[in-house]
C-alpha atoms as a PDB file:
ATOM      1  CA  UNK A   1     -45.921  29.006  32.675  1.00  0.00           C
ATOM      2  CA  UNK A   2     -44.006  28.670  29.502  1.00  0.00           C
ATOM      3  CA  UNK A   3     -40.858  31.090  30.363  1.00  0.00           C
ATOM      4  CA  UNK A   4     -39.903  31.749  27.199  1.00  0.00           C
ATOM      5  CA  UNK A   5     -42.574  33.411  25.907  1.00  0.00           C
ATOM      6  CA  UNK A   6     -42.277  35.839  29.201  1.00  0.00           C
ATOM      7  CA  UNK A   7     -38.221  36.385  28.166  1.00  0.00           C
ATOM      8  CA  UNK A   8     -38.080  39.164  25.737  1.00  0.00           C
ATOM      9  CA  UNK A   9     -37.661  39.048  22.201  1.00  0.00           C
ATOM     10  CA  UNK A  10     -34.202  40.406  22.247  1.00  0.00           C
ATOM     11  CA  UNK A  11     -32.705  37.764  24.896  1.00  0.00           C
ATOM     12  CA  UNK A  12     -34.031  34.923  23.493  1.00  0.00           C
ATOM     13  CA  UNK A  13     -32.258  35.818  20.305  1.00  0.00           C
ATOM     14  CA  UNK A  14     -29.605  34.927  21.836  1.00  0.00           C
ATOM     15  CA  UNK A  15     -27.643  31.711  23.500  1.00  0.00           C
ATOM     16  CA  UNK A  16     -25.071  31.449  26.527  1.00  0.00           C
ATOM     17  CA  UNK A  17     -21.741  31.787  25.819  1.00  0.00           C
ATOM     18  CA  UNK A  18     -19.959  28.159  24.798  1.00  0.00           C
ATOM     19  CA  UNK A  19     -16.693  28.860  25.888  1.00  0.00           C
ATOM     20  CA  UNK A  20     -17.460  29.754  29.338  1.00  0.00           C
ATOM     21  CA  UNK A  21     -20.074  26.410  29.230  1.00  0.00           C
ATOM     22  CA  UNK A  22     -17.090  24.440  28.412  1.00  0.00           C
ATOM     23  CA  UNK A  23     -14.933  26.165  30.770  1.00  0.00           C
ATOM     24  CA  UNK A  24     -17.140  25.584  33.496  1.00  0.00           C
ATOM     25  CA  UNK A  25     -17.939  21.818  32.413  1.00  0.00           C
ATOM     26  CA  UNK A  26     -13.986  21.146  32.853  1.00  0.00           C
ATOM     27  CA  UNK A  27     -13.577  22.968  36.125  1.00  0.00           C
ATOM     28  CA  UNK A  28     -16.521  20.916  37.475  1.00  0.00           C
ATOM     29  CA  UNK A  29     -14.925  17.550  35.958  1.00  0.00           C
ATOM     30  CA  UNK A  30     -11.403  18.283  37.466  1.00  0.00           C
ATOM     31  CA  UNK A  31     -13.105  18.764  41.291  1.00  0.00           C
ATOM     32  CA  UNK A  32     -14.723  15.110  40.014  1.00  0.00           C
ATOM     33  CA  UNK A  33     -10.705  13.849  39.891  1.00  0.00           C
ATOM     34  CA  UNK A  34     -11.010  13.859  36.306  1.00  0.00           C
ATOM     35  CA  UNK A  35      -8.284  14.399  34.215  1.00  0.00           C
ATOM     36  CA  UNK A  36      -9.225  16.806  31.467  1.00  0.00           C
ATOM     37  CA  UNK A  37      -7.498  19.751  29.538  1.00  0.00           C
ATOM     38  CA  UNK A  38     -10.161  22.860  29.110  1.00  0.00           C
ATOM     39  CA  UNK A  39     -10.398  23.890  25.531  1.00  0.00           C
ATOM     40  CA  UNK A  40     -12.976  26.924  26.423  1.00  0.00           C
ATOM     41  CA  UNK A  41     -12.213  30.410  27.664  1.00  0.00           C
ATOM     42  CA  UNK A  42      -9.325  32.172  26.251  1.00  0.00           C
ATOM     43  CA  UNK A  43      -7.297  32.440  29.607  1.00  0.00           C
ATOM     44  CA  UNK A  44      -3.609  32.729  30.350  1.00  0.00           C
ATOM     45  CA  UNK A  45      -2.347  29.770  32.826  1.00  0.00           C
ATOM     46  CA  UNK A  46      -0.003  32.187  34.572  1.00  0.00           C
ATOM     47  CA  UNK A  47      -0.521  34.596  37.690  1.00  0.00           C
ATOM     48  CA  UNK A  48      -0.668  37.980  37.660  1.00  0.00           C
ATOM     49  CA  UNK A  49       2.359  39.635  38.177  1.00  0.00           C
ATOM     50  CA  UNK A  50       3.166  40.600  42.108  1.00  0.00           C
ATOM     51  CA  UNK A  51       3.469  44.442  41.215  1.00  0.00           C
ATOM     52  CA  UNK A  52       0.015  44.422  39.869  1.00  0.00           C
ATOM     53  CA  UNK A  53      -1.450  42.363  42.743  1.00  0.00           C
ATOM     54  CA  UNK A  54       0.835  44.542  45.235  1.00  0.00           C
ATOM     55  CA  UNK A  55      -0.741  47.407  43.931  1.00  0.00           C
ATOM     56  CA  UNK A  56      -4.632  45.841  44.558  1.00  0.00           C
ATOM     57  CA  UNK A  57      -3.641  45.294  47.717  1.00  0.00           C
ATOM     58  CA  UNK A  58      -2.097  48.649  48.348  1.00  0.00           C
ATOM     59  CA  UNK A  59      -5.562  50.320  46.565  1.00  0.00           C
ATOM     60  CA  UNK A  60      -7.510  48.097  49.370  1.00  0.00           C
ATOM     61  CA  UNK A  61      -5.154  49.217  52.252  1.00  0.00           C
ATOM     62  CA  UNK A  62      -5.753  53.083  51.476  1.00  0.00           C
ATOM     63  CA  UNK A  63      -9.379  52.754  51.111  1.00  0.00           C
ATOM     64  CA  UNK A  64      -9.805  53.108  47.500  1.00  0.00           C
ATOM     65  CA  UNK A  65     -12.568  51.344  47.536  1.00  0.00           C
ATOM     66  CA  UNK A  66     -15.277  53.890  46.603  1.00  0.00           C
ATOM     67  CA  UNK A  67     -17.448  54.770  43.212  1.00  0.00           C
ATOM     68  CA  UNK A  68     -14.775  56.437  40.169  1.00  0.00           C
ATOM     69  CA  UNK A  69     -16.500  58.289  37.479  1.00  0.00           C
ATOM     70  CA  UNK A  70     -18.565  56.268  35.676  1.00  0.00           C
ATOM     71  CA  UNK A  71     -15.975  55.754  32.375  1.00  0.00           C
ATOM     72  CA  UNK A  72     -12.722  55.268  34.612  1.00  0.00           C
ATOM     73  CA  UNK A  73     -10.362  57.014  36.914  1.00  0.00           C
ATOM     74  CA  UNK A  74      -8.739  59.994  35.111  1.00  0.00           C
ATOM     75  CA  UNK A  75      -5.233  58.900  36.147  1.00  0.00           C
ATOM     76  CA  UNK A  76      -5.692  55.230  34.293  1.00  0.00           C
ATOM     77  CA  UNK A  77      -7.189  57.002  31.191  1.00  0.00           C
ATOM     78  CA  UNK A  78      -4.220  59.645  31.271  1.00  0.00           C
ATOM     79  CA  UNK A  79      -1.714  56.191  31.172  1.00  0.00           C
ATOM     80  CA  UNK A  80      -3.982  54.657  28.660  1.00  0.00           C
ATOM     81  CA  UNK A  81      -3.424  57.353  26.677  1.00  0.00           C
ATOM     82  CA  UNK A  82       0.352  57.411  26.991  1.00  0.00           C
ATOM     83  CA  UNK A  83       0.116  53.858  25.961  1.00  0.00           C
ATOM     84  CA  UNK A  84      -1.927  54.444  23.002  1.00  0.00           C
ATOM     85  CA  UNK A  85       0.875  57.105  21.839  1.00  0.00           C
ATOM     86  CA  UNK A  86       3.857  54.965  22.948  1.00  0.00           C
ATOM     87  CA  UNK A  87       2.831  51.902  21.001  1.00  0.00           C
ATOM     88  CA  UNK A  88       0.275  52.448  18.356  1.00  0.00           C
ATOM     89  CA  UNK A  89       1.161  56.154  17.542  1.00  0.00           C
ATOM     90  CA  UNK A  90      -2.237  57.350  17.977  1.00  0.00           C
ATOM     91  CA  UNK A  91      -3.021  60.464  19.810  1.00  0.00           C
ATOM     92  CA  UNK A  92      -6.104  60.431  22.139  1.00  0.00           C
ATOM     93  CA  UNK A  93      -6.897  62.708  24.875  1.00  0.00           C
ATOM     94  CA  UNK A  94      -8.425  61.116  28.213  1.00  0.00           C
ATOM     95  CA  UNK A  95     -12.534  62.774  27.234  1.00  0.00           C
ATOM     96  CA  UNK A  96     -11.760  59.893  24.129  1.00  0.00           C
ATOM     97  CA  UNK A  97     -11.024  56.728  26.596  1.00  0.00           C
ATOM     98  CA  UNK A  98     -13.870  54.654  28.796  1.00  0.00           C
ATOM     99  CA  UNK A  99     -12.730  52.212  30.666  1.00  0.00           C
ATOM    100  CA  UNK A 100     -15.237  49.199  31.127  1.00  0.00           C
ATOM    101  CA  UNK A 101     -15.299  46.189  32.699  1.00  0.00           C
ATOM    102  CA  UNK A 102     -13.486  44.343  30.375  1.00  0.00           C
ATOM    103  CA  UNK A 103     -13.077  44.385  26.972  1.00  0.00           C
ATOM    104  CA  UNK A 104     -15.851  42.208  26.005  1.00  0.00           C
ATOM    105  CA  UNK A 105     -18.182  44.646  28.006  1.00  0.00           C
ATOM    106  CA  UNK A 106     -15.979  47.752  25.968  1.00  0.00           C
ATOM    107  CA  UNK A 107     -16.884  46.102  22.590  1.00  0.00           C
ATOM    108  CA  UNK A 108     -20.925  45.550  23.615  1.00  0.00           C
ATOM    109  CA  UNK A 109     -21.004  49.224  24.788  1.00  0.00           C
ATOM    110  CA  UNK A 110     -19.947  50.107  21.001  1.00  0.00           C
ATOM    111  CA  UNK A 111     -22.046  48.060  19.470  1.00  0.00           C
ATOM    112  CA  UNK A 112     -25.052  49.249  21.302  1.00  0.00           C
ATOM    113  CA  UNK A 113     -23.693  52.875  20.769  1.00  0.00           C
ATOM    114  CA  UNK A 114     -23.885  52.490  17.310  1.00  0.00           C
ATOM    115  CA  UNK A 115     -26.306  50.170  15.776  1.00  0.00           C
ATOM    116  CA  UNK A 116     -30.141  51.057  14.986  1.00  0.00           C
ATOM    117  CA  UNK A 117     -32.552  48.025  14.296  1.00  0.00           C
ATOM    118  CA  UNK A 118     -31.880  46.284  10.805  1.00  0.00           C
ATOM    119  CA  UNK A 119     -28.335  47.823  10.504  1.00  0.00           C
ATOM    120  CA  UNK A 120     -25.647  45.356   9.009  1.00  0.00           C
ATOM    121  CA  UNK A 121     -22.354  44.500  10.875  1.00  0.00           C
ATOM    122  CA  UNK A 122     -20.143  42.770   8.562  1.00  0.00           C
ATOM    123  CA  UNK A 123     -18.179  39.986  10.781  1.00  0.00           C
ATOM    124  CA  UNK A 124     -15.871  37.931   9.208  1.00  0.00           C
ATOM    125  CA  UNK A 125     -15.229  34.465   9.867  1.00  0.00           C
ATOM    126  CA  UNK A 126     -14.078  32.920  11.806  1.00  0.00           C
ATOM    127  CA  UNK A 127     -14.564  34.873  15.230  1.00  0.00           C
ATOM    128  CA  UNK A 128     -15.122  35.241  18.823  1.00  0.00           C
ATOM    129  CA  UNK A 129     -17.962  33.379  19.585  1.00  0.00           C
ATOM    130  CA  UNK A 130     -20.063  36.486  21.423  1.00  0.00           C
ATOM    131  CA  UNK A 131     -19.635  39.107  18.186  1.00  0.00           C
ATOM    132  CA  UNK A 132     -22.628  37.939  16.791  1.00  0.00           C
ATOM    133  CA  UNK A 133     -24.699  37.761  19.784  1.00  0.00           C
ATOM    134  CA  UNK A 134     -23.734  41.231  20.629  1.00  0.00           C
ATOM    135  CA  UNK A 135     -24.856  42.636  17.376  1.00  0.00           C
ATOM    136  CA  UNK A 136     -28.590  40.721  17.650  1.00  0.00           C
ATOM    137  CA  UNK A 137     -29.041  41.733  21.093  1.00  0.00           C
ATOM    138  CA  UNK A 138     -28.151  45.229  19.557  1.00  0.00           C
ATOM    139  CA  UNK A 139     -30.935  44.400  17.215  1.00  0.00           C
ATOM    140  CA  UNK A 140     -28.551  44.583  13.883  1.00  0.00           C
ATOM    141  CA  UNK A 141     -27.900  41.652  11.622  1.00  0.00           C
ATOM    142  CA  UNK A 142     -24.473  39.913  11.931  1.00  0.00           C
ATOM    143  CA  UNK A 143     -23.130  39.370   8.122  1.00  0.00           C
ATOM    144  CA  UNK A 144     -20.689  36.653   8.240  1.00  0.00           C
ATOM    145  CA  UNK A 145     -18.250  37.134   6.005  1.00  0.00           C
ATOM    146  CA  UNK A 146     -15.985  34.143   5.281  1.00  0.00           C
ATOM    147  CA  UNK A 147     -12.291  34.117   5.292  1.00  0.00           C
ATOM    148  CA  UNK A 148     -10.234  30.680   4.538  1.00  0.00           C
ATOM    149  CA  UNK A 149      -7.211  28.472   5.704  1.00  0.00           C
ATOM    150  CA  UNK A 150      -5.965  29.402   1.632  1.00  0.00           C
ATOM    151  CA  UNK A 151      -6.257  33.302   2.315  1.00  0.00           C
ATOM    152  CA  UNK A 152      -4.641  33.068   5.982  1.00  0.00           C
ATOM    153  CA  UNK A 153      -7.781  33.442   7.586  1.00  0.00           C
ATOM    154  CA  UNK A 154      -7.971  37.065   6.751  1.00  0.00           C
ATOM    155  CA  UNK A 155     -10.537  38.902   4.472  1.00  0.00           C
ATOM    156  CA  UNK A 156      -9.867  40.803   1.208  1.00  0.00           C
ATOM    157  CA  UNK A 157     -10.698  43.940   0.266  1.00  0.00           C
ATOM    158  CA  UNK A 158     -12.548  42.662  -2.887  1.00  0.00           C
ATOM    159  CA  UNK A 159     -14.820  40.645  -0.036  1.00  0.00           C
ATOM    160  CA  UNK A 160     -15.608  43.270   1.885  1.00  0.00           C
ATOM    161  CA  UNK A 161     -16.514  45.736  -1.266  1.00  0.00           C
ATOM    162  CA  UNK A 162     -18.836  42.613  -1.793  1.00  0.00           C
ATOM    163  CA  UNK A 163     -20.673  42.625   1.374  1.00  0.00           C
ATOM    164  CA  UNK A 164     -21.311  46.121   1.537  1.00  0.00           C
ATOM    165  CA  UNK A 165     -24.755  47.321   1.470  1.00  0.00           C
ATOM    166  CA  UNK A 166     -26.733  50.493   2.345  1.00  0.00           C
ATOM    167  CA  UNK A 167     -27.652  49.158   5.238  1.00  0.00           C
ATOM    168  CA  UNK A 168     -23.753  48.282   6.452  1.00  0.00           C
ATOM    169  CA  UNK A 169     -22.839  50.081   9.633  1.00  0.00           C
ATOM    170  CA  UNK A 170     -20.082  48.551  10.923  1.00  0.00           C
ATOM    171  CA  UNK A 171     -17.047  46.244  10.538  1.00  0.00           C
ATOM    172  CA  UNK A 172     -15.750  44.501  13.775  1.00  0.00           C
ATOM    173  CA  UNK A 173     -11.762  43.832  12.772  1.00  0.00           C
ATOM    174  CA  UNK A 174      -9.860  41.605  15.315  1.00  0.00           C
ATOM    175  CA  UNK A 175      -6.125  41.370  14.743  1.00  0.00           C
ATOM    176  CA  UNK A 176      -4.517  39.543  16.630  1.00  0.00           C
ATOM    177  CA  UNK A 177      -7.331  36.831  16.012  1.00  0.00           C
ATOM    178  CA  UNK A 178      -9.132  34.977  18.209  1.00  0.00           C
ATOM    179  CA  UNK A 179      -9.657  32.050  17.151  1.00  0.00           C
ATOM    180  CA  UNK A 180      -6.781  31.666  14.167  1.00  0.00           C
ATOM    181  CA  UNK A 181      -4.243  33.711  15.455  1.00  0.00           C
ATOM    182  CA  UNK A 182      -3.901  35.674  12.103  1.00  0.00           C
ATOM    183  CA  UNK A 183      -2.320  39.193  12.449  1.00  0.00           C
ATOM    184  CA  UNK A 184      -3.154  41.618   9.518  1.00  0.00           C
ATOM    185  CA  UNK A 185      -0.297  43.640   8.066  1.00  0.00           C
ATOM    186  CA  UNK A 186       0.021  47.387   7.425  1.00  0.00           C
ATOM    187  CA  UNK A 187      -0.536  47.022   3.568  1.00  0.00           C
ATOM    188  CA  UNK A 188      -3.938  44.558   4.296  1.00  0.00           C
ATOM    189  CA  UNK A 189      -4.976  47.070   6.922  1.00  0.00           C
ATOM    190  CA  UNK A 190      -4.454  49.663   4.405  1.00  0.00           C
ATOM    191  CA  UNK A 191      -6.882  48.021   1.875  1.00  0.00           C
ATOM    192  CA  UNK A 192      -9.875  47.621   4.418  1.00  0.00           C
ATOM    193  CA  UNK A 193      -9.183  51.249   6.205  1.00  0.00           C
ATOM    194  CA  UNK A 194      -9.587  52.879   2.121  1.00  0.00           C
ATOM    195  CA  UNK A 195     -12.692  50.907   1.587  1.00  0.00           C
ATOM    196  CA  UNK A 196     -14.390  51.822   5.316  1.00  0.00           C
ATOM    197  CA  UNK A 197     -13.183  55.399   4.753  1.00  0.00           C
ATOM    198  CA  UNK A 198     -14.773  55.504   1.352  1.00  0.00           C
ATOM    199  CA  UNK A 199     -17.968  54.304   2.115  1.00  0.00           C
ATOM    200  CA  UNK A 200     -18.435  55.887   5.810  1.00  0.00           C
ATOM    201  CA  UNK A 201     -18.753  52.715   7.855  1.00  0.00           C
ATOM    202  CA  UNK A 202     -17.052  52.599  11.164  1.00  0.00           C
ATOM    203  CA  UNK A 203     -14.909  49.857  12.645  1.00  0.00           C
ATOM    204  CA  UNK A 204     -14.195  48.340  16.126  1.00  0.00           C
ATOM    205  CA  UNK A 205     -10.829  47.317  15.948  1.00  0.00           C
ATOM    206  CA  UNK A 206     -10.289  44.675  18.525  1.00  0.00           C
ATOM    207  CA  UNK A 207      -6.657  44.679  19.716  1.00  0.00           C
ATOM    208  CA  UNK A 208      -6.877  42.992  23.310  1.00  0.00           C
ATOM    209  CA  UNK A 209      -4.167  40.164  21.903  1.00  0.00           C
ATOM    210  CA  UNK A 210      -1.921  43.312  20.866  1.00  0.00           C
ATOM    211  CA  UNK A 211       1.313  42.576  22.775  1.00  0.00           C
ATOM    212  CA  UNK A 212       0.903  38.157  22.317  1.00  0.00           C
ATOM    213  CA  UNK A 213       2.687  38.478  19.166  1.00  0.00           C
ATOM    214  CA  UNK A 214       5.141  36.254  17.316  1.00  0.00           C
ATOM    215  CA  UNK A 215       8.259  35.798  14.801  1.00  0.00           C
ATOM    216  CA  UNK A 216       8.667  39.781  14.920  1.00  0.00           C
ATOM    217  CA  UNK A 217       5.343  40.209  13.351  1.00  0.00           C
ATOM    218  CA  UNK A 218       4.178  44.185  13.934  1.00  0.00           C
ATOM    219  CA  UNK A 219       0.966  44.736  15.546  1.00  0.00           C
ATOM    220  CA  UNK A 220      -0.354  47.801  13.599  1.00  0.00           C
ATOM    221  CA  UNK A 221      -3.580  49.639  14.878  1.00  0.00           C
ATOM    222  CA  UNK A 222      -5.820  50.317  12.035  1.00  0.00           C
ATOM    223  CA  UNK A 223      -6.998  53.768  14.208  1.00  0.00           C
ATOM    224  CA  UNK A 224      -3.550  54.718  13.779  1.00  0.00           C
ATOM    225  CA  UNK A 225      -3.100  54.848   9.117  1.00  0.00           C
ATOM    226  CA  UNK A 226      -4.823  58.124   8.607  1.00  0.00           C
ATOM    227  CA  UNK A 227      -7.105  60.870  10.354  1.00  0.00           C
ATOM    228  CA  UNK A 228     -10.024  59.780   7.874  1.00  0.00           C
ATOM    229  CA  UNK A 229     -10.309  56.355   9.431  1.00  0.00           C
ATOM    230  CA  UNK A 230      -9.299  56.983  13.340  1.00  0.00           C
ATOM    231  CA  UNK A 231     -12.318  59.202  13.206  1.00  0.00           C
ATOM    232  CA  UNK A 232     -14.441  55.894  12.267  1.00  0.00           C
ATOM    233  CA  UNK A 233     -12.812  53.788  14.493  1.00  0.00           C
ATOM    234  CA  UNK A 234     -13.380  52.653  17.821  1.00  0.00           C
ATOM    235  CA  UNK A 235     -10.168  50.518  19.235  1.00  0.00           C
ATOM    236  CA  UNK A 236     -10.994  48.175  22.149  1.00  0.00           C
ATOM    237  CA  UNK A 237      -7.942  47.100  24.181  1.00  0.00           C
ATOM    238  CA  UNK A 238      -7.721  45.898  28.046  1.00  0.00           C
ATOM    239  CA  UNK A 239      -5.310  44.113  30.458  1.00  0.00           C
ATOM    240  CA  UNK A 240      -6.727  40.550  30.944  1.00  0.00           C
ATOM    241  CA  UNK A 241      -4.745  38.855  28.339  1.00  0.00           C
ATOM    242  CA  UNK A 242      -1.097  40.780  28.013  1.00  0.00           C
ATOM    243  CA  UNK A 243      -1.166  41.079  32.325  1.00  0.00           C
ATOM    244  CA  UNK A 244      -2.523  37.362  32.733  1.00  0.00           C
ATOM    245  CA  UNK A 245      -5.945  39.539  34.428  1.00  0.00           C
ATOM    246  CA  UNK A 246      -8.694  37.701  32.942  1.00  0.00           C
ATOM    247  CA  UNK A 247     -10.835  37.688  36.333  1.00  0.00           C
ATOM    248  CA  UNK A 248      -9.743  41.887  36.869  1.00  0.00           C
ATOM    249  CA  UNK A 249     -12.435  42.657  34.505  1.00  0.00           C
ATOM    250  CA  UNK A 250     -10.974  46.131  33.356  1.00  0.00           C
ATOM    251  CA  UNK A 251     -10.817  47.217  29.181  1.00  0.00           C
ATOM    252  CA  UNK A 252     -10.761  50.013  27.383  1.00  0.00           C
ATOM    253  CA  UNK A 253     -11.980  51.842  24.601  1.00  0.00           C
ATOM    254  CA  UNK A 254     -10.939  54.874  22.619  1.00  0.00           C
ATOM    255  CA  UNK A 255     -12.317  56.682  19.617  1.00  0.00           C
ATOM    256  CA  UNK A 256     -14.297  60.283  18.564  1.00  0.00           C
ATOM    257  CA  UNK A 257     -14.953  61.960  22.023  1.00  0.00           C
ATOM    258  CA  UNK A 258     -19.006  62.024  20.801  1.00  0.00           C
ATOM    259  CA  UNK A 259     -19.013  58.314  20.396  1.00  0.00           C
ATOM    260  CA  UNK A 260     -17.238  57.576  23.929  1.00  0.00           C
ATOM    261  CA  UNK A 261     -19.419  60.114  25.480  1.00  0.00           C
ATOM    262  CA  UNK A 262     -22.283  58.321  24.595  1.00  0.00           C
ATOM    263  CA  UNK A 263     -20.739  54.907  25.871  1.00  0.00           C
ATOM    264  CA  UNK A 264     -19.972  56.348  28.903  1.00  0.00           C
ATOM    265  CA  UNK A 265     -23.474  57.650  29.206  1.00  0.00           C
ATOM    266  CA  UNK A 266     -24.909  53.450  28.740  1.00  0.00           C
ATOM    267  CA  UNK A 267     -22.069  52.491  30.740  1.00  0.00           C
ATOM    268  CA  UNK A 268     -23.446  55.022  33.725  1.00  0.00           C
ATOM    269  CA  UNK A 269     -26.770  53.083  33.924  1.00  0.00           C
ATOM    270  CA  UNK A 270     -25.838  49.674  33.498  1.00  0.00           C
ATOM    271  CA  UNK A 271     -22.255  48.578  35.611  1.00  0.00           C
ATOM    272  CA  UNK A 272     -20.882  52.284  36.707  1.00  0.00           C
ATOM    273  CA  UNK A 273     -17.237  52.446  36.686  1.00  0.00           C
ATOM    274  CA  UNK A 274     -15.634  49.331  36.537  1.00  0.00           C
ATOM    275  CA  UNK A 275     -13.686  48.087  40.118  1.00  0.00           C
ATOM    276  CA  UNK A 276     -11.957  50.635  41.766  1.00  0.00           C
ATOM    277  CA  UNK A 277      -9.199  48.283  43.072  1.00  0.00           C
ATOM    278  CA  UNK A 278      -8.876  46.983  39.672  1.00  0.00           C
ATOM    279  CA  UNK A 279      -8.502  50.077  37.700  1.00  0.00           C
ATOM    280  CA  UNK A 280      -5.423  50.697  40.293  1.00  0.00           C
ATOM    281  CA  UNK A 281      -4.565  47.546  39.660  1.00  0.00           C
ATOM    282  CA  UNK A 282      -4.556  48.197  35.599  1.00  0.00           C
ATOM    283  CA  UNK A 283      -2.676  51.172  36.080  1.00  0.00           C
ATOM    284  CA  UNK A 284       0.345  49.101  37.529  1.00  0.00           C
ATOM    285  CA  UNK A 285       0.083  46.640  34.866  1.00  0.00           C
ATOM    286  CA  UNK A 286       0.546  49.697  31.712  1.00  0.00           C
ATOM    287  CA  UNK A 287       3.118  51.720  33.348  1.00  0.00           C
ATOM    288  CA  UNK A 288       5.254  48.828  36.072  1.00  0.00           C
ATOM    289  CA  UNK A 289       7.480  46.240  34.233  1.00  0.00           C
ATOM    290  CA  UNK A 290       6.983  44.427  30.953  1.00  0.00           C
ATOM    291  CA  UNK A 291       9.627  41.715  32.016  1.00  0.00           C
ATOM    292  CA  UNK A 292       6.764  39.085  33.315  1.00  0.00           C
ATOM    293  CA  UNK A 293       4.784  39.907  29.657  1.00  0.00           C
ATOM    294  CA  UNK A 294       7.759  39.083  27.754  1.00  0.00           C
ATOM    295  CA  UNK A 295       8.655  35.842  29.843  1.00  0.00           C
ATOM    296  CA  UNK A 296       4.983  34.723  29.238  1.00  0.00           C
ATOM    297  CA  UNK A 297       5.158  35.520  25.613  1.00  0.00           C
ATOM    298  CA  UNK A 298       8.663  33.378  25.295  1.00  0.00           C
ATOM    299  CA  UNK A 299       6.902  30.141  27.075  1.00  0.00           C
ATOM    300  CA  UNK A 300       3.969  31.198  24.622  1.00  0.00           C
ATOM    301  CA  UNK A 301       6.165  30.870  21.538  1.00  0.00           C
ATOM    302  CA  UNK A 302       7.139  27.605  22.549  1.00  0.00           C
ATOM    303  CA  UNK A 303       4.256  26.216  23.156  1.00  0.00           C
ATOM    304  CA  UNK A 304       3.099  27.033  20.135  1.00  0.00           C
ATOM    305  CA  UNK A 305       5.862  25.605  17.743  1.00  0.00           C
ATOM    306  CA  UNK A 306       5.196  22.189  19.403  1.00  0.00           C
ATOM    307  CA  UNK A 307       1.511  22.098  18.809  1.00  0.00           C
ATOM    308  CA  UNK A 308       2.070  23.353  15.197  1.00  0.00           C
ATOM    309  CA  UNK A 309       4.218  20.489  14.875  1.00  0.00           C
ATOM    310  CA  UNK A 310       2.542  18.036  16.569  1.00  0.00           C
ATOM    311  CA  UNK A 311      -0.789  18.822  15.024  1.00  0.00           C
ATOM    312  CA  UNK A 312       0.844  18.368  11.117  1.00  0.00           C
ATOM    313  CA  UNK A 313       2.298  15.857  11.639  1.00  0.00           C
ATOM    314  CA  UNK A 314      -0.847  13.769  11.947  1.00  0.00           C
ATOM    315  CA  UNK A 315      -2.675  12.355   8.870  1.00  0.00           C
ATOM    316  CA  UNK A 316      -5.485  14.639   7.253  1.00  0.00           C
ATOM    317  CA  UNK A 317      -4.842  17.462   9.522  1.00  0.00           C
ATOM    318  CA  UNK A 318      -3.671  21.017   8.470  1.00  0.00           C
ATOM    319  CA  UNK A 319      -2.831  24.193  10.603  1.00  0.00           C
ATOM    320  CA  UNK A 320      -1.412  27.115   9.657  1.00  0.00           C
ATOM    321  CA  UNK A 321       1.299  28.939  12.536  1.00  0.00           C
ATOM    322  CA  UNK A 322      -0.454  31.712  14.317  1.00  0.00           C
ATOM    323  CA  UNK A 323       1.524  34.870  14.510  1.00  0.00           C
ATOM    324  CA  UNK A 324      -0.512  36.370  17.362  1.00  0.00           C
ATOM    325  CA  UNK A 325      -2.515  35.360  20.360  1.00  0.00           C
ATOM    326  CA  UNK A 326      -2.703  31.641  21.900  1.00  0.00           C
ATOM    327  CA  UNK A 327      -4.789  29.519  20.134  1.00  0.00           C
ATOM    328  CA  UNK A 328      -4.223  27.491  16.850  1.00  0.00           C
ATOM    329  CA  UNK A 329      -7.284  26.660  14.468  1.00  0.00           C
ATOM    330  CA  UNK A 330      -6.399  23.387  12.312  1.00  0.00           C
ATOM    331  CA  UNK A 331      -7.860  22.075   9.564  1.00  0.00           C
ATOM    332  CA  UNK A 332      -9.925  18.604  10.370  1.00  0.00           C
ATOM    333  CA  UNK A 333     -12.386  18.477   8.081  1.00  0.00           C
ATOM    334  CA  UNK A 334     -11.129  15.558   6.720  1.00  0.00           C
ATOM    335  CA  UNK A 335     -11.403  13.707   9.838  1.00  0.00           C
ATOM    336  CA  UNK A 336     -15.189  15.178  11.329  1.00  0.00           C
ATOM    337  CA  UNK A 337     -17.409  12.377  11.395  1.00  0.00           C
ATOM    338  CA  UNK A 338     -14.681   9.318  11.901  1.00  0.00           C
ATOM    339  CA  UNK A 339     -15.106   6.901  14.700  1.00  0.00           C
ATOM    340  CA  UNK A 340     -12.525   6.558  17.126  1.00  0.00           C
ATOM    341  CA  UNK A 341     -12.355   4.423  19.972  1.00  0.00           C
ATOM    342  CA  UNK A 342     -15.902   2.920  19.670  1.00  0.00           C
ATOM    343  CA  UNK A 343     -17.151   7.002  19.775  1.00  0.00           C
END
């Protein structure tokens, strides 16, 4: 049987996640006793802080193991609202919040909720590998907008204007960025915001690396700039990166009540609620001590400085210093295709 013919066209359009494939291969090699460094999934190598794990244990022991509302428990939504108010100067109600099985799930829900067949989604490049696959599953078309190293891997307002067509529905913005580590400034976001509001184009603002930021760089949420852009923005965040909770699978999104309700409807027929125990852990992460996060960021700064210095010391390689997240994105075009030690 030709199994590919049996699988839907929608799913045949997409490939598996290369980052997860690389990570699985690296883990397998380690199990085989091979000394290997994995450059796959973006995952802090720190343990989940103790107070967060204790909150999860308490949830289990107290029997908090049943369904919650599909869009997340009210107590966690209220904590997320406080987080947005305190950190981002954004005012949301619990009805404007959805808790999902990771920020990836929130983004997937948002794209499926907003996009119709043949809509265009502008995707700045370099980008996280799952964005275009999600867009294709929704039946929309990813339109790649290339950002260059000369521009610090950021798109310009002129580029954005030139890329917009009558079919453009959405821009996906990721700051701090995976994989470049760049961070948009308030002025840069204002220019993008003006274009989006003028054209009535939605924005998914992926802010999962918000708290992993360096050199006194400020994180600005594009939704905080004006009421007009807030109405067009779905802000996505989560606890995976900031609190070393990648396996707990809790992300969240905020946006206009009507869009969040539609996302909740979609989620209610797929995963239902995120894990109840993980929701209690996420509540402890947001409301508890932030010292473990500060310590982790301090360590990431040391690592960033070391690897950027080492990369820039190699002839024909250059690397910008990232301002956020925990990635570097070196320029290696001059050595691609070279043979090294017979390989």
